[in-house]
Amino acid sequence: MVAVLRWADGRGLELNISKCRSMSFYRTHERIDYSYAINNNVLLFAGNEITDLDIVFDCELNFHAH
């Protein structure tokens, strides 16, 4: 996450951490649990599915929701 923060900062962008969510994508049966943080602020877990720009992202990388 440090690289993303540096990239945004280098372009004069500020991340709205209250709107940021974390999600792990995996293709195995074992779920990956990891806590992500930006500037020591732990990101909320998005769950198994999240929609961004009308595209549904599923943690198992399938498109059944479409």
PDB file of N, CA and C in Angstrom:
ATOM      1  N   MET A   1       0.814  -1.191   0.000  1.00  0.00           N
ATOM      2  CA  MET A   1       0.000   0.000   0.000  1.00  0.00           C
ATOM      3  C   MET A   1       0.860   1.258   0.000  1.00  0.00           C
ATOM      4  N   VAL A   2       2.083   1.125   0.440  1.00  0.00           N
ATOM      5  CA  VAL A   2       2.980   2.277   0.463  1.00  0.00           C
ATOM      6  C   VAL A   2       3.221   2.782  -0.954  1.00  0.00           C
ATOM      7  N   ALA A   3       3.361   1.863  -1.907  1.00  0.00           N
ATOM      8  CA  ALA A   3       3.598   2.259  -3.296  1.00  0.00           C
ATOM      9  C   ALA A   3       2.407   3.036  -3.856  1.00  0.00           C
ATOM     10  N   VAL A   4       1.197   2.619  -3.530  1.00  0.00           N
ATOM     11  CA  VAL A   4       0.002   3.319  -3.994  1.00  0.00           C
ATOM     12  C   VAL A   4      -0.057   4.715  -3.391  1.00  0.00           C
ATOM     13  N   LEU A   5       0.245   4.807  -2.116  1.00  0.00           N
ATOM     14  CA  LEU A   5       0.234   6.100  -1.434  1.00  0.00           C
ATOM     15  C   LEU A   5       1.287   7.039  -2.026  1.00  0.00           C
ATOM     16  N   ARG A   6       2.483   6.515  -2.301  1.00  0.00           N
ATOM     17  CA  ARG A   6       3.534   7.329  -2.917  1.00  0.00           C
ATOM     18  C   ARG A   6       3.144   7.773  -4.326  1.00  0.00           C
ATOM     19  N   TRP A   7       2.523   6.855  -5.086  1.00  0.00           N
ATOM     20  CA  TRP A   7       2.088   7.182  -6.436  1.00  0.00           C
ATOM     21  C   TRP A   7       1.071   8.321  -6.409  1.00  0.00           C
ATOM     22  N   ALA A   8       0.073   8.220  -5.534  1.00  0.00           N
ATOM     23  CA  ALA A   8      -0.957   9.256  -5.438  1.00  0.00           C
ATOM     24  C   ALA A   8      -0.359  10.576  -4.963  1.00  0.00           C
ATOM     25  N   ASP A   9       0.499  10.519  -3.969  1.00  0.00           N
ATOM     26  CA  ASP A   9       1.118  11.722  -3.419  1.00  0.00           C
ATOM     27  C   ASP A   9       1.990  12.416  -4.466  1.00  0.00           C
ATOM     28  N   GLY A  10       2.694  11.633  -5.269  1.00  0.00           N
ATOM     29  CA  GLY A  10       3.555  12.188  -6.305  1.00  0.00           C
ATOM     30  C   GLY A  10       2.785  12.899  -7.408  1.00  0.00           C
ATOM     31  N   ARG A  11       1.501  12.621  -7.504  1.00  0.00           N
ATOM     32  CA  ARG A  11       0.655  13.254  -8.511  1.00  0.00           C
ATOM     33  C   ARG A  11      -0.300  14.280  -7.906  1.00  0.00           C
ATOM     34  N   GLY A  12      -0.063  14.599  -6.637  1.00  0.00           N
ATOM     35  CA  GLY A  12      -0.885  15.602  -5.965  1.00  0.00           C
ATOM     36  C   GLY A  12      -2.278  15.114  -5.634  1.00  0.00           C
ATOM     37  N   LEU A  13      -2.452  13.792  -5.541  1.00  0.00           N
ATOM     38  CA  LEU A  13      -3.751  13.215  -5.216  1.00  0.00           C
ATOM     39  C   LEU A  13      -3.791  12.813  -3.751  1.00  0.00           C
ATOM     40  N   GLU A  14      -4.958  12.911  -3.155  1.00  0.00           N
ATOM     41  CA  GLU A  14      -5.123  12.506  -1.766  1.00  0.00           C
ATOM     42  C   GLU A  14      -6.168  11.392  -1.714  1.00  0.00           C
ATOM     43  N   LEU A  15      -5.832  10.284  -1.083  1.00  0.00           N
ATOM     44  CA  LEU A  15      -6.772   9.180  -0.957  1.00  0.00           C
ATOM     45  C   LEU A  15      -7.767   9.466   0.159  1.00  0.00           C
ATOM     46  N   ASN A  16      -9.037   9.225  -0.109  1.00  0.00           N
ATOM     47  CA  ASN A  16     -10.060   9.354   0.916  1.00  0.00           C
ATOM     48  C   ASN A  16     -10.155   7.999   1.614  1.00  0.00           C
ATOM     49  N   ILE A  17      -9.425   7.843   2.692  1.00  0.00           N
ATOM     50  CA  ILE A  17      -9.297   6.555   3.362  1.00  0.00           C
ATOM     51  C   ILE A  17     -10.639   6.058   3.878  1.00  0.00           C
ATOM     52  N   SER A  18     -11.562   6.965   4.206  1.00  0.00           N
ATOM     53  CA  SER A  18     -12.882   6.529   4.698  1.00  0.00           C
ATOM     54  C   SER A  18     -13.678   5.812   3.605  1.00  0.00           C
ATOM     55  N   LYS A  19     -13.328   6.013   2.333  1.00  0.00           N
ATOM     56  CA  LYS A  19     -14.014   5.343   1.234  1.00  0.00           C
ATOM     57  C   LYS A  19     -13.246   4.128   0.712  1.00  0.00           C
ATOM     58  N   CYS A  20     -12.061   3.895   1.213  1.00  0.00           N
ATOM     59  CA  CYS A  20     -11.240   2.764   0.761  1.00  0.00           C
ATOM     60  C   CYS A  20     -11.680   1.488   1.456  1.00  0.00           C
ATOM     61  N   ARG A  21     -11.677   0.388   0.724  1.00  0.00           N
ATOM     62  CA  ARG A  21     -12.012  -0.925   1.259  1.00  0.00           C
ATOM     63  C   ARG A  21     -10.966  -1.918   0.771  1.00  0.00           C
ATOM     64  N   SER A  22     -10.824  -3.008   1.498  1.00  0.00           N
ATOM     65  CA  SER A  22      -9.885  -4.048   1.074  1.00  0.00           C
ATOM     66  C   SER A  22     -10.653  -5.290   0.647  1.00  0.00           C
ATOM     67  N   MET A  23     -10.065  -6.011  -0.293  1.00  0.00           N
ATOM     68  CA  MET A  23     -10.651  -7.256  -0.762  1.00  0.00           C
ATOM     69  C   MET A  23      -9.537  -8.114  -1.324  1.00  0.00           C
ATOM     70  N   SER A  24      -9.557  -9.390  -0.998  1.00  0.00           N
ATOM     71  CA  SER A  24      -8.559 -10.320  -1.525  1.00  0.00           C
ATOM     72  C   SER A  24      -9.192 -11.142  -2.630  1.00  0.00           C
ATOM     73  N   PHE A  25      -8.487 -11.261  -3.738  1.00  0.00           N
ATOM     74  CA  PHE A  25      -8.940 -12.079  -4.854  1.00  0.00           C
ATOM     75  C   PHE A  25      -8.136 -13.369  -4.843  1.00  0.00           C
ATOM     76  N   TYR A  26      -8.823 -14.482  -4.991  1.00  0.00           N
ATOM     77  CA  TYR A  26      -8.133 -15.763  -4.951  1.00  0.00           C
ATOM     78  C   TYR A  26      -8.885 -16.770  -5.799  1.00  0.00           C
ATOM     79  N   ARG A  27      -8.166 -17.787  -6.246  1.00  0.00           N
ATOM     80  CA  ARG A  27      -8.782 -18.828  -7.076  1.00  0.00           C
ATOM     81  C   ARG A  27      -8.705 -20.191  -6.401  1.00  0.00           C
ATOM     82  N   THR A  28      -8.376 -20.214  -5.128  1.00  0.00           N
ATOM     83  CA  THR A  28      -8.325 -21.473  -4.396  1.00  0.00           C
ATOM     84  C   THR A  28      -9.513 -21.534  -3.450  1.00  0.00           C
ATOM     85  N   HIS A  29      -9.678 -22.660  -2.786  1.00  0.00           N
ATOM     86  CA  HIS A  29     -10.777 -22.812  -1.838  1.00  0.00           C
ATOM     87  C   HIS A  29     -10.462 -22.176  -0.490  1.00  0.00           C
ATOM     88  N   GLU A  30      -9.192 -21.890  -0.255  1.00  0.00           N
ATOM     89  CA  GLU A  30      -8.796 -21.281   1.007  1.00  0.00           C
ATOM     90  C   GLU A  30      -8.836 -19.764   0.890  1.00  0.00           C
ATOM     91  N   ARG A  31      -9.575 -19.149   1.780  1.00  0.00           N
ATOM     92  CA  ARG A  31      -9.693 -17.705   1.784  1.00  0.00           C
ATOM     93  C   ARG A  31      -8.424 -17.073   2.340  1.00  0.00           C
ATOM     94  N   ILE A  32      -8.019 -15.956   1.768  1.00  0.00           N
ATOM     95  CA  ILE A  32      -6.832 -15.248   2.218  1.00  0.00           C
ATOM     96  C   ILE A  32      -7.275 -14.104   3.124  1.00  0.00           C
ATOM     97  N   ASP A  33      -6.892 -14.151   4.369  1.00  0.00           N
ATOM     98  CA  ASP A  33      -7.218 -13.081   5.309  1.00  0.00           C
ATOM     99  C   ASP A  33      -5.977 -12.250   5.576  1.00  0.00           C
ATOM    100  N   TYR A  34      -6.055 -10.968   5.264  1.00  0.00           N
ATOM    101  CA  TYR A  34      -4.940 -10.076   5.492  1.00  0.00           C
ATOM    102  C   TYR A  34      -5.497  -8.696   5.782  1.00  0.00           C
ATOM    103  N   SER A  35      -4.897  -8.013   6.716  1.00  0.00           N
ATOM    104  CA  SER A  35      -5.333  -6.668   7.076  1.00  0.00           C
ATOM    105  C   SER A  35      -4.485  -5.643   6.332  1.00  0.00           C
ATOM    106  N   TYR A  36      -5.132  -4.805   5.542  1.00  0.00           N
ATOM    107  CA  TYR A  36      -4.432  -3.753   4.807  1.00  0.00           C
ATOM    108  C   TYR A  36      -4.622  -2.429   5.530  1.00  0.00           C
ATOM    109  N   ALA A  37      -3.596  -1.574   5.457  1.00  0.00           N
ATOM    110  CA  ALA A  37      -3.667  -0.273   6.118  1.00  0.00           C
ATOM    111  C   ALA A  37      -3.009   0.782   5.245  1.00  0.00           C
ATOM    112  N   ILE A  38      -3.519   1.997   5.347  1.00  0.00           N
ATOM    113  CA  ILE A  38      -2.926   3.157   4.693  1.00  0.00           C
ATOM    114  C   ILE A  38      -2.672   4.183   5.787  1.00  0.00           C
ATOM    115  N   ASN A  39      -1.427   4.608   5.934  1.00  0.00           N
ATOM    116  CA  ASN A  39      -1.041   5.557   6.992  1.00  0.00           C
ATOM    117  C   ASN A  39      -1.519   5.101   8.369  1.00  0.00           C
ATOM    118  N   ASN A  40      -1.335   3.831   8.652  1.00  0.00           N
ATOM    119  CA  ASN A  40      -1.722   3.215   9.926  1.00  0.00           C
ATOM    120  C   ASN A  40      -3.221   3.199  10.157  1.00  0.00           C
ATOM    121  N   ASN A  41      -4.032   3.426   9.129  1.00  0.00           N
ATOM    122  CA  ASN A  41      -5.484   3.308   9.208  1.00  0.00           C
ATOM    123  C   ASN A  41      -5.878   2.001   8.535  1.00  0.00           C
ATOM    124  N   VAL A  42      -6.380   1.058   9.322  1.00  0.00           N
ATOM    125  CA  VAL A  42      -6.762  -0.246   8.787  1.00  0.00           C
ATOM    126  C   VAL A  42      -8.002  -0.076   7.912  1.00  0.00           C
ATOM    127  N   LEU A  43      -7.938  -0.639   6.702  1.00  0.00           N
ATOM    128  CA  LEU A  43      -9.056  -0.542   5.773  1.00  0.00           C
ATOM    129  C   LEU A  43     -10.140  -1.545   6.133  1.00  0.00           C
ATOM    130  N   LEU A  44     -11.386  -1.146   5.945  1.00  0.00           N
ATOM    131  CA  LEU A  44     -12.507  -2.043   6.192  1.00  0.00           C
ATOM    132  C   LEU A  44     -12.533  -3.123   5.132  1.00  0.00           C
ATOM    133  N   PHE A  45     -12.966  -4.314   5.515  1.00  0.00           N
ATOM    134  CA  PHE A  45     -13.074  -5.434   4.597  1.00  0.00           C
ATOM    135  C   PHE A  45     -14.334  -5.260   3.761  1.00  0.00           C
ATOM    136  N   ALA A  46     -14.232  -5.378   2.463  1.00  0.00           N
ATOM    137  CA  ALA A  46     -15.359  -5.152   1.558  1.00  0.00           C
ATOM    138  C   ALA A  46     -16.311  -6.338   1.503  1.00  0.00           C
ATOM    139  N   GLY A  47     -15.896  -7.483   1.953  1.00  0.00           N
ATOM    140  CA  GLY A  47     -16.723  -8.685   1.855  1.00  0.00           C
ATOM    141  C   GLY A  47     -16.318  -9.514   0.656  1.00  0.00           C
ATOM    142  N   ASN A  48     -17.229 -10.358   0.204  1.00  0.00           N
ATOM    143  CA  ASN A  48     -16.921 -11.254  -0.918  1.00  0.00           C
ATOM    144  C   ASN A  48     -17.237 -10.649  -2.271  1.00  0.00           C
ATOM    145  N   GLU A  49     -17.878  -9.481  -2.264  1.00  0.00           N
ATOM    146  CA  GLU A  49     -18.275  -8.864  -3.518  1.00  0.00           C
ATOM    147  C   GLU A  49     -18.329  -7.351  -3.337  1.00  0.00           C
ATOM    148  N   ILE A  50     -17.871  -6.637  -4.351  1.00  0.00           N
ATOM    149  CA  ILE A  50     -17.916  -5.176  -4.304  1.00  0.00           C
ATOM    150  C   ILE A  50     -18.204  -4.663  -5.717  1.00  0.00           C
ATOM    151  N   THR A  51     -18.936  -3.570  -5.797  1.00  0.00           N
ATOM    152  CA  THR A  51     -19.255  -2.971  -7.089  1.00  0.00           C
ATOM    153  C   THR A  51     -18.530  -1.647  -7.213  1.00  0.00           C
ATOM    154  N   ASP A  52     -17.855  -1.477  -8.353  1.00  0.00           N
ATOM    155  CA  ASP A  52     -17.151  -0.235  -8.627  1.00  0.00           C
ATOM    156  C   ASP A  52     -17.385   0.126 -10.088  1.00  0.00           C
ATOM    157  N   LEU A  53     -17.896   1.302 -10.329  1.00  0.00           N
ATOM    158  CA  LEU A  53     -18.214   1.758 -11.681  1.00  0.00           C
ATOM    159  C   LEU A  53     -19.109   0.756 -12.414  1.00  0.00           C
ATOM    160  N   ASP A  54     -20.087   0.220 -11.691  1.00  0.00           N
ATOM    161  CA  ASP A  54     -21.076  -0.735 -12.208  1.00  0.00           C
ATOM    162  C   ASP A  54     -20.486  -2.086 -12.594  1.00  0.00           C
ATOM    163  N   ILE A  55     -19.267  -2.359 -12.180  1.00  0.00           N
ATOM    164  CA  ILE A  55     -18.651  -3.665 -12.407  1.00  0.00           C
ATOM    165  C   ILE A  55     -18.610  -4.385 -11.069  1.00  0.00           C
ATOM    166  N   VAL A  56     -19.119  -5.606 -11.045  1.00  0.00           N
ATOM    167  CA  VAL A  56     -19.152  -6.390  -9.817  1.00  0.00           C
ATOM    168  C   VAL A  56     -17.884  -7.226  -9.744  1.00  0.00           C
ATOM    169  N   PHE A  57     -17.100  -7.016  -8.698  1.00  0.00           N
ATOM    170  CA  PHE A  57     -15.887  -7.791  -8.464  1.00  0.00           C
ATOM    171  C   PHE A  57     -16.180  -8.823  -7.391  1.00  0.00           C
ATOM    172  N   ASP A  58     -15.946 -10.072  -7.704  1.00  0.00           N
ATOM    173  CA  ASP A  58     -16.187 -11.181  -6.799  1.00  0.00           C
ATOM    174  C   ASP A  58     -14.844 -11.701  -6.323  1.00  0.00           C
ATOM    175  N   CYS A  59     -14.742 -12.119  -5.059  1.00  0.00           N
ATOM    176  CA  CYS A  59     -13.465 -12.565  -4.503  1.00  0.00           C
ATOM    177  C   CYS A  59     -12.925 -13.810  -5.200  1.00  0.00           C
ATOM    178  N   GLU A  60     -13.791 -14.575  -5.868  1.00  0.00           N
ATOM    179  CA  GLU A  60     -13.347 -15.769  -6.583  1.00  0.00           C
ATOM    180  C   GLU A  60     -13.118 -15.504  -8.069  1.00  0.00           C
ATOM    181  N   LEU A  61     -13.187 -14.260  -8.488  1.00  0.00           N
ATOM    182  CA  LEU A  61     -12.936 -13.835  -9.857  1.00  0.00           C
ATOM    183  C   LEU A  61     -13.883 -14.487 -10.869  1.00  0.00           C
ATOM    184  N   ASN A  62     -15.156 -14.630 -10.498  1.00  0.00           N
ATOM    185  CA  ASN A  62     -16.123 -15.114 -11.473  1.00  0.00           C
ATOM    186  C   ASN A  62     -17.117 -13.995 -11.785  1.00  0.00           C
ATOM    187  N   PHE A  63     -17.908 -14.170 -12.790  1.00  0.00           N
ATOM    188  CA  PHE A  63     -18.817 -13.115 -13.233  1.00  0.00           C
ATOM    189  C   PHE A  63     -20.276 -13.557 -13.147  1.00  0.00           C
ATOM    190  N   HIS A  64     -20.587 -14.414 -12.173  1.00  0.00           N
ATOM    191  CA  HIS A  64     -21.962 -14.890 -12.008  1.00  0.00           C
ATOM    192  C   HIS A  64     -22.930 -13.759 -11.695  1.00  0.00           C
ATOM    193  N   ALA A  65     -22.490 -12.714 -11.026  1.00  0.00           N
ATOM    194  CA  ALA A  65     -23.370 -11.601 -10.664  1.00  0.00           C
ATOM    195  C   ALA A  65     -23.792 -10.806 -11.896  1.00  0.00           C
ATOM    196  N   HIS A  66     -23.037 -10.910 -12.972  1.00  0.00           N
ATOM    197  CA  HIS A  66     -23.382 -10.187 -14.200  1.00  0.00           C
ATOM    198  C   HIS A  66     -24.396 -11.003 -14.943  1.00  0.00           C
TER     199      HIS A  66
END
